[in-house]
Amino acid sequence: MTPCPEEYVRCYTLEEWDDLQFLLEENDIAYDLAPMGDVESAIHFTWELLFLSPWELAYIAIPMSVIAFYVLTIYGAFKYIQRKFK
């Protein structure tokens, strides 16, 4: 057997690699060989956002609604003051 290159932490035999792949597939664990790119991660985020459960959506929507209300109130106050002193 050839020695393992220095940049690898561990080298696998073909049998060990097959066992590892079987365990990963059996436990539904993703094992990506390449890191995810920017566009791919944005698409993945959008896809995950589309399929949130109703509880997760409420968990996100309620704080975002409160923040939007505060921001729009401050914006409306500034516009009112601008119109008052115009």
N, C-alpha and C. Protein backbone atom coordinates (compact mmCIF):
# COMPACT_ATOMS: atom_id res chain seq x y z
N MET A 1 0.84 -1.18 0.00
CA MET A 1 0.00 0.00 0.00
C MET A 1 0.89 1.25 0.00
N THR A 2 0.51 2.24 -0.79
CA THR A 2 1.29 3.47 -0.87
C THR A 2 1.00 4.32 0.37
N PRO A 3 1.99 5.09 0.81
CA PRO A 3 1.76 5.93 2.00
C PRO A 3 0.76 7.05 1.70
N CYS A 4 0.09 7.47 2.75
CA CYS A 4 -0.91 8.53 2.64
C CYS A 4 -0.20 9.88 2.46
N PRO A 5 -0.64 10.72 1.50
CA PRO A 5 -0.03 12.05 1.34
C PRO A 5 -0.22 12.90 2.59
N GLU A 6 0.67 13.86 2.78
CA GLU A 6 0.66 14.67 4.00
C GLU A 6 -0.59 15.53 4.15
N GLU A 7 -1.19 15.97 3.02
CA GLU A 7 -2.35 16.86 3.12
C GLU A 7 -3.63 16.13 3.54
N TYR A 8 -3.61 14.80 3.53
CA TYR A 8 -4.78 14.02 3.97
C TYR A 8 -4.63 13.64 5.43
N VAL A 9 -5.74 13.66 6.13
CA VAL A 9 -5.73 13.26 7.53
C VAL A 9 -5.71 11.74 7.62
N ARG A 10 -6.47 11.10 6.75
CA ARG A 10 -6.56 9.64 6.77
C ARG A 10 -6.81 9.14 5.36
N CYS A 11 -6.20 8.01 5.03
CA CYS A 11 -6.46 7.36 3.75
C CYS A 11 -7.31 6.13 4.00
N TYR A 12 -8.22 5.86 3.10
CA TYR A 12 -9.13 4.71 3.23
C TYR A 12 -8.82 3.68 2.16
N THR A 13 -8.99 2.43 2.53
CA THR A 13 -8.97 1.37 1.52
C THR A 13 -10.32 1.40 0.82
N LEU A 14 -10.44 0.69 -0.28
CA LEU A 14 -11.69 0.68 -1.03
C LEU A 14 -12.83 0.12 -0.17
N GLU A 15 -12.54 -0.89 0.62
CA GLU A 15 -13.56 -1.49 1.49
C GLU A 15 -13.98 -0.51 2.59
N GLU A 16 -13.02 0.19 3.19
CA GLU A 16 -13.35 1.17 4.22
C GLU A 16 -14.16 2.33 3.64
N TRP A 17 -13.81 2.75 2.42
CA TRP A 17 -14.53 3.84 1.76
C TRP A 17 -15.98 3.43 1.48
N ASP A 18 -16.19 2.19 1.01
CA ASP A 18 -17.54 1.70 0.76
C ASP A 18 -18.35 1.63 2.06
N ASP A 19 -17.71 1.18 3.14
CA ASP A 19 -18.39 1.14 4.44
C ASP A 19 -18.78 2.54 4.91
N LEU A 20 -17.89 3.50 4.72
CA LEU A 20 -18.17 4.88 5.11
C LEU A 20 -19.34 5.44 4.30
N GLN A 21 -19.33 5.21 2.99
CA GLN A 21 -20.43 5.69 2.14
C GLN A 21 -21.75 5.06 2.55
N PHE A 22 -21.72 3.76 2.86
CA PHE A 22 -22.94 3.07 3.29
C PHE A 22 -23.48 3.66 4.59
N LEU A 23 -22.61 3.92 5.55
CA LEU A 23 -23.04 4.51 6.82
C LEU A 23 -23.61 5.91 6.63
N LEU A 24 -22.97 6.70 5.77
CA LEU A 24 -23.46 8.06 5.53
C LEU A 24 -24.83 8.03 4.87
N GLU A 25 -25.02 7.16 3.88
CA GLU A 25 -26.31 7.06 3.21
C GLU A 25 -27.37 6.49 4.15
N GLU A 26 -26.99 5.52 4.97
CA GLU A 26 -27.94 4.89 5.88
C GLU A 26 -28.46 5.89 6.92
N ASN A 27 -27.61 6.78 7.39
CA ASN A 27 -27.99 7.77 8.39
C ASN A 27 -28.41 9.10 7.79
N ASP A 28 -28.51 9.15 6.47
CA ASP A 28 -28.93 10.36 5.75
C ASP A 28 -28.05 11.56 6.10
N ILE A 29 -26.75 11.35 6.05
CA ILE A 29 -25.78 12.40 6.32
C ILE A 29 -25.17 12.82 4.99
N ALA A 30 -25.19 14.12 4.73
CA ALA A 30 -24.60 14.63 3.49
C ALA A 30 -23.09 14.74 3.67
N TYR A 31 -22.38 14.29 2.69
CA TYR A 31 -20.92 14.35 2.72
C TYR A 31 -20.47 15.00 1.43
N ASP A 32 -20.40 16.32 1.45
CA ASP A 32 -20.02 17.06 0.25
C ASP A 32 -18.51 17.04 0.10
N LEU A 33 -18.08 16.77 -1.12
CA LEU A 33 -16.65 16.76 -1.37
C LEU A 33 -16.12 18.16 -1.64
N ALA A 34 -16.96 19.02 -2.21
CA ALA A 34 -16.54 20.39 -2.52
C ALA A 34 -17.38 21.37 -1.70
N PRO A 35 -16.79 22.50 -1.28
CA PRO A 35 -17.58 23.48 -0.54
C PRO A 35 -18.63 24.12 -1.43
N MET A 36 -19.70 24.61 -0.83
CA MET A 36 -20.80 25.20 -1.56
C MET A 36 -20.43 26.62 -1.99
N GLY A 37 -20.75 26.97 -3.22
CA GLY A 37 -20.48 28.31 -3.74
C GLY A 37 -21.52 29.31 -3.28
N ASP A 38 -21.31 30.59 -3.58
CA ASP A 38 -22.21 31.65 -3.15
C ASP A 38 -23.61 31.49 -3.75
N VAL A 39 -23.66 31.27 -5.06
CA VAL A 39 -24.96 31.15 -5.72
C VAL A 39 -25.68 29.90 -5.23
N GLU A 40 -24.93 28.82 -5.11
CA GLU A 40 -25.53 27.57 -4.65
C GLU A 40 -26.07 27.71 -3.22
N SER A 41 -25.34 28.41 -2.36
CA SER A 41 -25.82 28.59 -0.98
C SER A 41 -27.04 29.51 -0.95
N ALA A 42 -27.11 30.52 -1.82
CA ALA A 42 -28.29 31.38 -1.87
C ALA A 42 -29.51 30.60 -2.35
N ILE A 43 -29.32 29.74 -3.34
CA ILE A 43 -30.42 28.91 -3.82
C ILE A 43 -30.85 27.93 -2.73
N HIS A 44 -29.87 27.36 -2.04
CA HIS A 44 -30.18 26.41 -0.96
C HIS A 44 -30.96 27.11 0.16
N PHE A 45 -30.56 28.33 0.52
CA PHE A 45 -31.27 29.09 1.56
C PHE A 45 -32.70 29.38 1.13
N THR A 46 -32.89 29.80 -0.13
CA THR A 46 -34.23 30.08 -0.64
C THR A 46 -35.09 28.83 -0.62
N TRP A 47 -34.52 27.71 -1.03
CA TRP A 47 -35.24 26.45 -1.06
C TRP A 47 -35.65 26.03 0.36
N GLU A 48 -34.74 26.18 1.32
CA GLU A 48 -35.06 25.84 2.71
C GLU A 48 -36.13 26.78 3.28
N LEU A 49 -36.10 28.04 2.87
CA LEU A 49 -37.07 29.02 3.35
C LEU A 49 -38.46 28.72 2.82
N LEU A 50 -38.55 28.18 1.61
CA LEU A 50 -39.85 27.86 1.02
C LEU A 50 -40.57 26.74 1.76
N PHE A 51 -39.82 25.84 2.37
CA PHE A 51 -40.42 24.66 2.97
C PHE A 51 -40.34 24.67 4.50
N LEU A 52 -40.49 25.85 5.11
CA LEU A 52 -40.54 25.93 6.56
C LEU A 52 -41.92 25.51 7.05
N SER A 53 -41.96 24.98 8.25
CA SER A 53 -43.25 24.61 8.84
C SER A 53 -43.98 25.88 9.29
N PRO A 54 -45.29 25.79 9.52
CA PRO A 54 -46.02 26.99 9.98
C PRO A 54 -45.48 27.57 11.29
N TRP A 55 -45.02 26.73 12.21
CA TRP A 55 -44.47 27.24 13.47
C TRP A 55 -43.17 27.99 13.23
N GLU A 56 -42.34 27.47 12.34
CA GLU A 56 -41.09 28.16 12.03
C GLU A 56 -41.36 29.49 11.34
N LEU A 57 -42.36 29.50 10.44
CA LEU A 57 -42.73 30.75 9.78
C LEU A 57 -43.23 31.79 10.78
N ALA A 58 -44.06 31.36 11.73
CA ALA A 58 -44.55 32.29 12.76
C ALA A 58 -43.40 32.78 13.63
N TYR A 59 -42.47 31.89 13.93
CA TYR A 59 -41.32 32.25 14.75
C TYR A 59 -40.48 33.34 14.08
N ILE A 60 -40.43 33.32 12.75
CA ILE A 60 -39.68 34.33 12.00
C ILE A 60 -40.55 35.56 11.74
N ALA A 61 -41.82 35.36 11.40
CA ALA A 61 -42.69 36.45 10.95
C ALA A 61 -43.04 37.43 12.06
N ILE A 62 -43.28 36.95 13.26
CA ILE A 62 -43.71 37.85 14.34
C ILE A 62 -42.62 38.87 14.69
N PRO A 63 -41.38 38.47 14.95
CA PRO A 63 -40.35 39.49 15.23
C PRO A 63 -40.08 40.41 14.04
N MET A 64 -40.13 39.86 12.84
CA MET A 64 -39.91 40.70 11.66
C MET A 64 -41.02 41.73 11.51
N SER A 65 -42.26 41.36 11.84
CA SER A 65 -43.38 42.30 11.77
C SER A 65 -43.21 43.41 12.80
N VAL A 66 -42.77 43.07 13.99
CA VAL A 66 -42.55 44.08 15.03
C VAL A 66 -41.46 45.05 14.60
N ILE A 67 -40.37 44.53 14.07
CA ILE A 67 -39.27 45.39 13.61
C ILE A 67 -39.74 46.28 12.47
N ALA A 68 -40.50 45.73 11.52
CA ALA A 68 -41.01 46.52 10.40
C ALA A 68 -41.94 47.63 10.90
N PHE A 69 -42.77 47.33 11.89
CA PHE A 69 -43.67 48.34 12.46
C PHE A 69 -42.87 49.49 13.07
N TYR A 70 -41.84 49.16 13.84
CA TYR A 70 -41.01 50.21 14.46
C TYR A 70 -40.31 51.06 13.40
N VAL A 71 -39.75 50.42 12.41
CA VAL A 71 -39.02 51.16 11.37
C VAL A 71 -39.98 52.06 10.59
N LEU A 72 -41.14 51.55 10.24
CA LEU A 72 -42.10 52.36 9.50
C LEU A 72 -42.65 53.50 10.35
N THR A 73 -42.78 53.29 11.64
CA THR A 73 -43.22 54.37 12.54
C THR A 73 -42.19 55.48 12.60
N ILE A 74 -40.93 55.12 12.72
CA ILE A 74 -39.86 56.12 12.74
C ILE A 74 -39.80 56.86 11.41
N TYR A 75 -39.93 56.12 10.30
CA TYR A 75 -39.93 56.74 8.97
C TYR A 75 -41.10 57.71 8.84
N GLY A 76 -42.28 57.30 9.29
CA GLY A 76 -43.45 58.17 9.22
C GLY A 76 -43.27 59.42 10.07
N ALA A 77 -42.65 59.29 11.24
CA ALA A 77 -42.40 60.45 12.10
C ALA A 77 -41.46 61.44 11.42
N PHE A 78 -40.39 60.93 10.79
CA PHE A 78 -39.47 61.82 10.07
C PHE A 78 -40.18 62.53 8.92
N LYS A 79 -41.00 61.81 8.18
CA LYS A 79 -41.72 62.43 7.07
C LYS A 79 -42.71 63.48 7.57
N TYR A 80 -43.35 63.22 8.70
CA TYR A 80 -44.28 64.19 9.29
C TYR A 80 -43.53 65.46 9.69
N ILE A 81 -42.37 65.30 10.32
CA ILE A 81 -41.56 66.46 10.72
C ILE A 81 -41.08 67.22 9.50
N GLN A 82 -40.68 66.51 8.44
CA GLN A 82 -40.24 67.18 7.21
C GLN A 82 -41.37 68.01 6.61
N ARG A 83 -42.57 67.45 6.55
CA ARG A 83 -43.70 68.18 5.99
C ARG A 83 -44.08 69.38 6.87
N LYS A 84 -43.92 69.23 8.16
CA LYS A 84 -44.29 70.29 9.09
C LYS A 84 -43.37 71.51 8.92
N PHE A 85 -42.07 71.28 8.68
CA PHE A 85 -41.11 72.38 8.58
C PHE A 85 -40.75 72.74 7.14
N LYS A 86 -41.49 72.26 6.19
CA LYS A 86 -41.20 72.55 4.79
C LYS A 86 -41.62 73.95 4.41
